[in-house]
N, C-alpha and C. Protein backbone atom coordinates (compact mmCIF):
# COMPACT_ATOMS: atom_id res chain seq x y z
N MET A 1 83.40 73.89 91.14
CA MET A 1 84.52 74.55 90.67
C MET A 1 84.37 74.74 89.19
N THR A 2 84.66 75.94 88.60
CA THR A 2 84.54 76.31 87.29
C THR A 2 85.58 75.95 86.42
N ARG A 3 85.36 75.56 85.22
CA ARG A 3 86.40 75.18 84.22
C ARG A 3 86.39 76.21 83.08
N ARG A 4 86.06 77.32 83.48
CA ARG A 4 85.95 78.28 82.35
C ARG A 4 87.02 79.56 82.75
N ILE A 5 88.24 79.09 82.79
CA ILE A 5 89.17 80.20 83.27
C ILE A 5 90.32 80.15 82.18
N LEU A 6 90.82 81.38 81.98
CA LEU A 6 91.95 81.57 81.07
C LEU A 6 93.18 81.90 82.02
N TRP A 7 94.17 81.03 82.07
CA TRP A 7 95.32 81.38 82.90
C TRP A 7 96.51 82.03 82.03
N ILE A 8 96.88 83.23 82.47
CA ILE A 8 97.99 83.83 81.75
C ILE A 8 99.07 84.20 82.75
N GLY A 9 100.20 83.44 82.77
CA GLY A 9 101.10 83.26 83.85
C GLY A 9 100.43 82.66 84.94
N ASN A 10 100.48 83.50 86.28
CA ASN A 10 99.84 83.13 87.34
C ASN A 10 98.48 83.89 87.67
N ALA A 11 98.04 84.60 86.60
CA ALA A 11 96.77 85.28 86.74
C ALA A 11 95.58 84.52 86.20
N ALA A 12 94.51 84.47 86.77
CA ALA A 12 93.33 83.66 86.22
C ALA A 12 92.35 84.77 85.78
N TYR A 13 91.97 84.56 84.47
CA TYR A 13 90.90 85.39 84.02
C TYR A 13 89.59 84.57 83.77
N PRO A 14 88.57 84.62 84.49
CA PRO A 14 87.22 83.90 84.27
C PRO A 14 86.67 84.47 82.99
N LEU A 15 86.09 83.57 82.19
CA LEU A 15 85.55 83.95 80.88
C LEU A 15 84.42 84.99 81.07
N ALA A 16 83.71 84.72 82.11
CA ALA A 16 82.49 85.67 82.45
C ALA A 16 82.95 87.15 82.52
N GLY A 17 84.27 87.40 82.98
CA GLY A 17 84.66 88.93 83.16
C GLY A 17 85.41 89.36 82.02
N ILE A 18 85.49 88.57 80.91
CA ILE A 18 86.31 89.13 79.70
C ILE A 18 85.46 89.94 78.87
N THR A 19 85.80 91.25 78.49
CA THR A 19 84.83 92.06 77.77
C THR A 19 85.34 92.21 76.30
N ARG A 20 86.53 91.96 76.13
CA ARG A 20 87.00 92.11 74.66
C ARG A 20 88.35 91.29 74.50
N VAL A 21 88.39 90.62 73.37
CA VAL A 21 89.52 89.90 72.88
C VAL A 21 89.93 90.30 71.61
N SER A 22 91.20 90.72 71.39
CA SER A 22 91.67 91.33 70.05
C SER A 22 93.09 90.96 69.90
N VAL A 23 93.31 90.89 68.62
CA VAL A 23 94.72 90.49 68.18
C VAL A 23 95.27 91.95 67.53
N THR A 24 96.41 92.19 67.99
CA THR A 24 97.14 93.49 67.59
C THR A 24 98.37 93.15 67.13
N VAL A 25 98.81 93.92 65.92
CA VAL A 25 100.25 93.83 65.39
C VAL A 25 100.87 94.92 65.99
N ILE A 26 102.18 94.43 66.55
CA ILE A 26 103.06 95.33 67.21
C ILE A 26 104.30 95.52 66.20
N VAL A 27 104.33 96.53 65.54
CA VAL A 27 105.38 96.74 64.55
C VAL A 27 106.49 97.65 65.23
N PRO A 28 107.73 97.18 65.31
CA PRO A 28 108.91 98.15 65.65
C PRO A 28 108.75 99.33 64.98
N ALA A 29 109.33 100.50 65.67
CA ALA A 29 109.38 101.84 65.03
C ALA A 29 110.52 101.96 64.12
N TYR A 30 110.45 101.27 62.90
CA TYR A 30 111.63 101.34 62.13
C TYR A 30 111.76 102.61 61.50
N GLY A 31 110.88 103.34 61.01
CA GLY A 31 110.89 104.65 60.40
C GLY A 31 111.34 105.76 61.44
N GLU A 32 110.76 105.69 62.61
CA GLU A 32 111.17 106.62 63.71
C GLU A 32 112.68 106.46 63.98
N ALA A 33 113.09 105.29 64.10
CA ALA A 33 114.66 105.03 64.55
C ALA A 33 115.46 105.49 63.39
N MET A 34 115.09 105.29 62.12
CA MET A 34 116.03 105.93 61.08
C MET A 34 115.84 107.43 60.93
N ARG A 35 114.83 107.90 61.37
CA ARG A 35 114.67 109.49 61.34
C ARG A 35 115.49 109.97 62.44
N ARG A 36 115.36 109.25 63.61
CA ARG A 36 116.36 109.80 64.75
C ARG A 36 117.78 109.79 64.48
N PHE A 37 118.16 108.58 63.62
CA PHE A 37 119.61 108.44 63.22
C PHE A 37 119.95 109.39 62.17
N MET A 38 119.05 109.65 61.23
CA MET A 38 119.52 110.69 60.13
C MET A 38 119.60 112.08 60.73
N LYS A 39 118.63 112.42 61.65
CA LYS A 39 118.84 113.57 62.36
C LYS A 39 119.99 113.84 63.16
N PHE A 40 120.47 112.87 63.88
CA PHE A 40 121.76 112.74 64.54
C PHE A 40 122.93 112.92 63.69
N ALA A 41 122.76 112.02 62.53
CA ALA A 41 123.96 112.16 61.59
C ALA A 41 124.06 113.43 60.97
N GLY A 42 122.87 114.09 60.57
CA GLY A 42 123.05 115.49 60.07
C GLY A 42 123.73 116.38 60.89
N ARG A 43 123.19 116.52 62.22
CA ARG A 43 123.63 117.41 63.04
C ARG A 43 125.19 117.36 63.28
N LEU A 44 125.50 115.97 63.59
CA LEU A 44 126.95 115.63 63.81
C LEU A 44 127.84 115.85 62.76
N LEU A 45 127.41 115.53 61.50
CA LEU A 45 128.25 115.84 60.39
C LEU A 45 128.36 117.25 59.98
N LEU A 46 127.38 118.04 60.15
CA LEU A 46 127.35 119.54 59.99
C LEU A 46 128.31 120.18 60.88
N SER A 47 128.03 119.86 62.34
CA SER A 47 128.92 120.35 63.28
C SER A 47 130.44 120.05 63.23
N GLY A 48 130.59 118.69 62.71
CA GLY A 48 131.95 118.20 62.57
C GLY A 48 132.53 119.01 61.25
N PHE A 49 131.85 119.06 60.25
CA PHE A 49 132.46 119.79 58.99
C PHE A 49 132.62 121.17 59.38
N GLY A 50 131.70 121.67 59.99
CA GLY A 50 131.84 123.21 60.39
C GLY A 50 133.02 123.45 61.14
N LEU A 51 133.06 122.65 62.24
CA LEU A 51 134.36 122.79 63.14
C LEU A 51 135.67 122.49 62.33
N ALA A 52 135.67 121.56 61.51
CA ALA A 52 136.86 121.28 60.65
C ALA A 52 137.20 122.41 59.66
N ALA A 53 136.14 122.99 59.14
CA ALA A 53 136.34 124.20 58.25
C ALA A 53 136.93 125.30 59.09
N ALA A 54 136.29 125.49 60.17
CA ALA A 54 136.91 126.70 61.15
C ALA A 54 138.22 126.44 61.55
N VAL A 55 138.67 125.15 61.81
CA VAL A 55 139.94 124.86 62.22
C VAL A 55 140.85 125.02 60.99
N ALA A 56 140.51 124.65 59.85
CA ALA A 56 141.22 124.67 58.55
C ALA A 56 141.54 126.27 58.17
N VAL A 57 140.39 127.14 58.41
CA VAL A 57 140.66 128.54 58.08
C VAL A 57 141.63 129.15 59.12
N VAL A 58 141.52 128.80 60.30
CA VAL A 58 142.49 129.37 61.35
C VAL A 58 143.83 128.86 61.09
N ASP A 59 143.90 127.62 60.62
CA ASP A 59 145.24 126.87 60.31
C ASP A 59 145.85 127.60 59.07
N LEU A 60 145.07 127.98 58.20
CA LEU A 60 145.59 128.60 56.79
C LEU A 60 146.00 129.92 57.20
N ALA A 61 145.21 130.57 58.05
CA ALA A 61 145.58 132.14 58.32
C ALA A 61 146.82 132.30 59.14
N SER A 62 147.33 131.11 59.87
CA SER A 62 148.30 131.12 60.84
C SER A 62 149.62 131.31 60.01
N PRO A 63 150.44 132.33 60.21
CA PRO A 63 151.73 132.46 59.42
C PRO A 63 152.69 131.42 59.88
N SER A 64 152.67 130.75 60.90
CA SER A 64 153.62 129.71 61.50
C SER A 64 153.36 128.50 60.82
N ARG A 65 152.38 128.28 59.92
CA ARG A 65 152.07 126.96 59.35
C ARG A 65 153.28 126.50 58.39
N SER A 66 153.76 125.27 58.53
CA SER A 66 154.71 124.78 57.65
C SER A 66 154.00 123.96 56.60
N SER A 67 154.75 123.83 55.61
CA SER A 67 154.12 123.05 54.27
C SER A 67 154.19 121.70 54.72
N ASP A 68 154.95 121.05 55.66
CA ASP A 68 154.89 119.60 56.00
C ASP A 68 153.70 119.16 56.86
N ASP A 69 153.01 120.18 57.47
CA ASP A 69 151.91 119.82 58.38
C ASP A 69 150.61 119.74 57.43
N PRO A 70 149.95 118.49 57.32
CA PRO A 70 148.86 118.46 56.46
C PRO A 70 147.57 118.76 57.17
N GLY A 71 147.61 119.34 58.45
CA GLY A 71 146.21 119.78 58.93
C GLY A 71 145.59 118.53 59.64
N ARG A 72 146.39 118.13 60.67
CA ARG A 72 145.86 116.89 61.36
C ARG A 72 144.53 117.19 62.20
N PRO A 73 144.40 118.34 62.82
CA PRO A 73 143.21 118.48 63.59
C PRO A 73 142.03 118.37 62.82
N VAL A 74 141.85 118.65 61.49
CA VAL A 74 140.80 118.41 60.62
C VAL A 74 140.31 116.98 60.53
N GLY A 75 141.30 116.27 60.15
CA GLY A 75 141.12 114.76 60.14
C GLY A 75 140.63 114.20 61.42
N TRP A 76 141.25 114.63 62.53
CA TRP A 76 140.75 114.10 63.82
C TRP A 76 139.22 114.32 64.09
N ILE A 77 138.87 115.59 63.82
CA ILE A 77 137.38 116.10 63.97
C ILE A 77 136.57 115.11 63.22
N ILE A 78 136.82 114.94 61.88
CA ILE A 78 136.02 114.25 60.98
C ILE A 78 136.09 112.69 61.46
N GLY A 79 137.23 112.21 61.82
CA GLY A 79 137.18 110.75 62.25
C GLY A 79 136.38 110.50 63.58
N VAL A 80 136.61 111.52 64.48
CA VAL A 80 135.84 111.26 65.70
C VAL A 80 134.27 111.50 65.56
N SER A 81 133.87 112.27 64.71
CA SER A 81 132.50 112.47 64.30
C SER A 81 131.99 111.16 63.72
N LEU A 82 132.77 110.54 62.87
CA LEU A 82 132.27 109.39 62.19
C LEU A 82 132.31 108.17 63.14
N ILE A 83 133.17 108.19 64.00
CA ILE A 83 133.14 107.09 65.09
C ILE A 83 131.89 107.25 65.98
N LEU A 84 131.66 108.52 66.37
CA LEU A 84 130.45 108.78 67.12
C LEU A 84 129.30 108.39 66.35
N LEU A 85 129.18 108.66 65.08
CA LEU A 85 128.06 108.34 64.20
C LEU A 85 127.77 106.84 64.29
N VAL A 86 128.87 105.95 64.00
CA VAL A 86 128.65 104.57 64.00
C VAL A 86 128.32 103.98 65.26
N LEU A 87 128.80 104.60 66.41
CA LEU A 87 128.49 103.93 67.74
C LEU A 87 127.04 104.35 68.07
N TYR A 88 126.44 105.55 67.66
CA TYR A 88 125.18 105.94 67.79
C TYR A 88 124.24 104.96 67.05
N PHE A 89 124.66 104.58 65.79
CA PHE A 89 123.84 103.62 64.87
C PHE A 89 123.87 102.15 65.70
N LEU A 90 125.06 101.89 66.10
CA LEU A 90 125.02 100.42 66.81
C LEU A 90 124.29 100.37 68.14
N LEU A 91 124.30 101.51 68.80
CA LEU A 91 123.64 101.43 70.19
C LEU A 91 122.16 101.68 70.20
N ASP A 92 121.77 102.51 69.27
CA ASP A 92 120.45 103.24 69.31
C ASP A 92 119.56 102.69 68.23
N THR A 93 120.03 102.61 66.94
CA THR A 93 119.22 102.50 65.84
C THR A 93 119.21 100.90 65.48
N LEU A 94 120.34 100.26 65.46
CA LEU A 94 120.49 98.85 65.11
C LEU A 94 119.45 97.90 65.85
N PRO A 95 119.56 98.03 67.35
CA PRO A 95 118.63 97.21 68.04
C PRO A 95 117.06 97.29 67.43
N VAL A 96 116.63 98.46 67.28
CA VAL A 96 115.20 98.69 66.80
C VAL A 96 115.07 98.03 65.37
N LEU A 97 116.11 98.02 64.51
CA LEU A 97 116.04 97.64 63.17
C LEU A 97 116.01 96.01 63.24
N LEU A 98 116.51 95.49 64.29
CA LEU A 98 116.72 94.00 64.50
C LEU A 98 115.42 93.44 65.07
N ARG A 99 114.48 94.30 65.64
CA ARG A 99 113.33 93.58 66.29
C ARG A 99 112.44 93.24 65.27
N ARG A 100 111.63 92.04 65.68
CA ARG A 100 110.60 91.40 64.76
C ARG A 100 109.28 92.08 65.11
N THR A 101 108.39 91.92 64.08
CA THR A 101 107.02 92.21 64.34
C THR A 101 106.34 91.26 65.28
N LEU A 102 105.59 91.53 66.33
CA LEU A 102 105.03 90.65 67.31
C LEU A 102 103.37 90.70 67.01
N TYR A 103 102.69 89.66 67.24
CA TYR A 103 101.31 89.48 67.22
C TYR A 103 100.76 89.31 68.55
N ALA A 104 100.18 90.28 69.10
CA ALA A 104 99.73 90.24 70.45
C ALA A 104 98.24 89.99 70.74
N LEU A 105 97.85 89.29 71.56
CA LEU A 105 96.57 88.96 71.98
C LEU A 105 96.14 89.74 73.23
N ALA A 106 95.34 90.73 73.11
CA ALA A 106 94.94 91.56 74.26
C ALA A 106 93.69 91.03 74.83
N VAL A 107 93.63 90.79 76.05
CA VAL A 107 92.33 90.34 76.84
C VAL A 107 91.90 91.34 77.82
N ASP A 108 90.86 92.12 77.40
CA ASP A 108 90.34 93.17 78.39
C ASP A 108 89.20 92.66 79.25
N THR A 109 89.34 93.10 80.47
CA THR A 109 88.25 92.57 81.31
C THR A 109 87.26 93.87 81.79
N ALA A 110 86.24 93.46 82.60
CA ALA A 110 85.39 94.46 82.94
C ALA A 110 85.89 95.58 83.83
N GLY A 111 87.10 95.28 84.45
CA GLY A 111 87.70 96.22 85.30
C GLY A 111 89.04 96.66 84.63
N PRO A 112 89.86 97.41 85.27
CA PRO A 112 91.03 97.80 84.59
C PRO A 112 92.06 96.96 83.96
N PRO A 113 92.24 95.71 84.52
CA PRO A 113 93.26 94.83 84.08
C PRO A 113 93.17 94.47 82.52
N THR A 114 94.42 94.39 81.90
CA THR A 114 94.43 93.95 80.58
C THR A 114 95.65 92.96 80.46
N ALA A 115 95.45 91.82 79.80
CA ALA A 115 96.56 91.01 79.62
C ALA A 115 96.82 91.00 78.07
N LEU A 116 98.27 90.97 78.03
CA LEU A 116 98.80 91.09 76.69
C LEU A 116 99.68 89.99 76.49
N VAL A 117 99.61 88.99 75.56
CA VAL A 117 100.46 88.04 75.36
C VAL A 117 100.84 88.07 73.77
N ALA A 118 102.23 87.95 73.46
CA ALA A 118 102.66 88.14 72.21
C ALA A 118 103.42 86.90 71.60
N TRP A 119 103.19 86.61 70.28
CA TRP A 119 104.10 85.73 69.58
C TRP A 119 104.69 86.47 68.29
N LYS A 120 105.81 85.69 67.82
CA LYS A 120 106.40 86.05 66.64
C LYS A 120 105.66 85.69 65.33
N LYS A 121 104.74 84.80 65.55
CA LYS A 121 103.81 84.29 64.42
C LYS A 121 102.40 84.60 64.69
N ALA A 122 101.58 84.92 63.65
CA ALA A 122 100.24 85.28 63.77
C ALA A 122 99.41 84.28 64.12
N GLU A 123 99.46 82.82 63.78
CA GLU A 123 98.68 81.87 63.96
C GLU A 123 98.39 81.57 65.53
N PRO A 124 99.39 81.50 66.38
CA PRO A 124 98.86 81.26 67.84
C PRO A 124 97.97 82.27 68.33
N ALA A 125 98.24 83.54 68.04
CA ALA A 125 97.39 84.61 68.64
C ALA A 125 95.95 84.50 68.07
N PHE A 126 95.85 84.19 66.77
CA PHE A 126 94.57 84.17 66.23
C PHE A 126 93.80 82.88 66.67
N ASP A 127 94.55 81.79 66.83
CA ASP A 127 93.92 80.64 67.28
C ASP A 127 93.57 80.65 68.78
N LEU A 128 94.24 81.23 69.51
CA LEU A 128 93.76 81.48 71.06
C LEU A 128 92.62 82.40 71.15
N ALA A 129 92.73 83.51 70.37
CA ALA A 129 91.54 84.49 70.27
C ALA A 129 90.25 83.79 69.90
N GLN A 130 90.31 82.99 68.93
CA GLN A 130 89.14 82.29 68.34
C GLN A 130 88.77 81.18 69.40
N ALA A 131 89.69 80.59 70.11
CA ALA A 131 89.30 79.58 71.18
C ALA A 131 88.45 80.34 72.37
N ILE A 132 88.92 81.54 72.70
CA ILE A 132 88.25 82.23 73.79
C ILE A 132 86.96 82.75 73.40
N ILE A 133 86.78 83.18 72.07
CA ILE A 133 85.66 83.64 71.69
C ILE A 133 84.62 82.51 71.66
N ASP A 134 85.04 81.43 71.09
CA ASP A 134 84.16 80.17 70.95
C ASP A 134 83.64 79.77 72.41
N ALA A 135 84.56 79.90 73.34
CA ALA A 135 84.29 79.49 74.79
C ALA A 135 83.16 80.42 75.41
N ILE A 136 83.39 81.73 75.10
CA ILE A 136 82.32 82.63 75.65
C ILE A 136 81.12 82.52 74.95
N GLU A 137 81.06 82.21 73.50
CA GLU A 137 79.65 82.09 72.89
C GLU A 137 79.05 80.76 73.45
N ASN A 138 79.75 79.80 73.82
CA ASN A 138 79.17 78.57 74.31
C ASN A 138 79.51 78.33 75.75
N PRO A 139 78.53 78.77 76.58
CA PRO A 139 79.00 78.66 77.95
C PRO A 139 78.89 77.25 78.65
N GLN A 140 78.27 76.34 77.90
CA GLN A 140 78.06 74.98 78.43
C GLN A 140 79.43 74.20 78.15
N THR A 141 80.33 74.79 77.18
CA THR A 141 81.63 74.08 77.18
C THR A 141 82.69 74.26 78.09
N GLU A 142 83.51 73.29 78.31
CA GLU A 142 84.47 73.49 79.16
C GLU A 142 85.71 74.10 78.62
N PHE A 143 86.38 75.15 79.28
CA PHE A 143 87.43 75.85 78.69
C PHE A 143 88.58 76.04 79.79
N ARG A 144 89.85 75.63 79.71
CA ARG A 144 90.94 75.96 80.41
C ARG A 144 92.10 75.98 79.55
N GLN A 145 92.76 77.15 79.63
CA GLN A 145 93.94 77.31 78.71
C GLN A 145 95.01 77.95 79.60
N PHE A 146 96.18 77.52 79.53
CA PHE A 146 97.39 78.01 80.25
C PHE A 146 98.25 78.68 79.09
N ILE A 147 98.86 79.86 79.50
CA ILE A 147 99.82 80.59 78.68
C ILE A 147 100.87 80.89 79.57
N HIS A 148 102.13 80.75 79.02
CA HIS A 148 103.22 81.09 79.87
C HIS A 148 104.11 82.08 79.09
N ASN A 149 105.04 82.65 79.73
CA ASN A 149 105.93 83.53 79.02
C ASN A 149 105.21 84.86 78.55
N THR A 150 104.94 85.80 79.47
CA THR A 150 104.05 86.91 79.05
C THR A 150 104.84 88.21 79.17
N VAL A 151 105.92 88.48 78.35
CA VAL A 151 106.78 89.59 78.31
C VAL A 151 106.54 90.51 77.10
N VAL A 152 106.01 91.67 77.41
CA VAL A 152 105.50 92.49 76.13
C VAL A 152 105.93 93.87 76.73
N ASP A 153 106.37 94.86 75.82
CA ASP A 153 106.50 96.19 76.08
C ASP A 153 105.20 96.86 76.03
N LEU A 154 104.53 97.15 76.90
CA LEU A 154 103.33 97.87 76.77
C LEU A 154 103.16 99.25 76.23
N ARG A 155 104.36 99.91 76.19
CA ARG A 155 104.45 101.26 75.42
C ARG A 155 104.11 101.22 74.08
N GLN A 156 104.31 100.15 73.46
CA GLN A 156 104.02 99.96 72.04
C GLN A 156 102.68 99.58 71.74
N TYR A 157 101.76 99.34 72.68
CA TYR A 157 100.35 98.76 72.50
C TYR A 157 99.45 99.87 72.64
N GLN A 158 98.42 99.87 71.73
CA GLN A 158 97.43 100.89 71.81
C GLN A 158 96.24 100.35 72.66
N TYR A 159 95.82 101.05 73.64
CA TYR A 159 94.71 100.53 74.33
C TYR A 159 93.41 101.09 73.74
N GLY A 160 92.49 100.30 73.73
CA GLY A 160 91.14 100.71 73.08
C GLY A 160 91.19 100.95 71.57
N ASP A 161 90.15 101.52 71.15
CA ASP A 161 89.94 101.84 69.71
C ASP A 161 90.80 102.99 69.29
N ASN A 162 91.20 103.05 68.00
CA ASN A 162 91.95 104.25 67.52
C ASN A 162 90.93 105.09 66.89
N VAL A 163 90.82 106.27 67.33
CA VAL A 163 89.94 107.37 66.84
C VAL A 163 90.49 108.64 66.37
N ASN A 164 90.21 109.12 65.17
CA ASN A 164 90.82 110.49 64.83
C ASN A 164 89.73 111.44 65.04
N ILE A 165 90.21 112.51 65.93
CA ILE A 165 89.32 113.72 66.07
C ILE A 165 89.89 114.87 65.33
N TYR A 166 89.13 115.58 64.50
CA TYR A 166 89.59 116.73 63.82
C TYR A 166 88.86 117.93 64.43
N GLY A 167 89.63 119.03 64.56
CA GLY A 167 89.07 120.24 65.08
C GLY A 167 89.65 120.62 66.42
N GLY A 168 89.23 121.70 67.07
CA GLY A 168 89.80 122.11 68.13
C GLY A 168 88.89 121.78 69.47
N GLN A 169 88.68 122.85 70.17
CA GLN A 169 87.75 122.50 71.40
C GLN A 169 86.29 122.53 70.98
N GLY A 170 85.54 121.68 71.92
CA GLY A 170 84.13 121.67 71.65
C GLY A 170 83.86 120.73 70.53
N ASN A 171 84.62 119.54 70.43
CA ASN A 171 84.25 118.57 69.43
C ASN A 171 82.96 117.81 69.79
N THR A 172 82.09 117.80 68.73
CA THR A 172 80.82 117.08 68.82
C THR A 172 80.69 115.73 68.17
N GLY A 173 81.66 115.33 67.45
CA GLY A 173 81.57 114.01 66.68
C GLY A 173 83.00 113.52 66.53
N ILE A 174 82.88 112.27 65.98
CA ILE A 174 84.32 111.67 65.70
C ILE A 174 84.01 110.96 64.26
N ILE A 175 85.25 110.82 63.46
CA ILE A 175 85.26 110.19 62.24
C ILE A 175 86.21 108.95 62.46
N LYS A 176 85.61 107.76 61.95
CA LYS A 176 86.56 106.54 62.31
C LYS A 176 87.17 106.18 61.01
């Protein structure tokens, strides 16, 4: 029976099948969330003020307007626009701004499976990566590691190397 296994949840990864171990920093998309919010706020406020201006022009042009009526539809339009803006911020933008940076340990195997384990602090990820690397380099040593609680959003993780390719069709080289 081999003692050279990495257990992540209920999945066993024999050290002989591990091809790469890397630590990746997963940073929430703060800038993208704020960009979306500003875009939504700009559209909402422009359309709200435009609608309010149109209502005000129509209201001023109306001969039946009394001097006691302060133009309530304009205030309602602006108020509803601001309420929608605050709700959008609370429901869409604020959860992203409250997320913390995660430090993920990615374990790639010779086949398609990849394990990704994340921590809120960097030390456990780097320590486990170093322990796996040491165990791979020293096959005579015994290695058994159990990791629990493996929930990570894989849409925020970049698989493989990050390569920028410049140019159109027929690329012949890459710049790293």
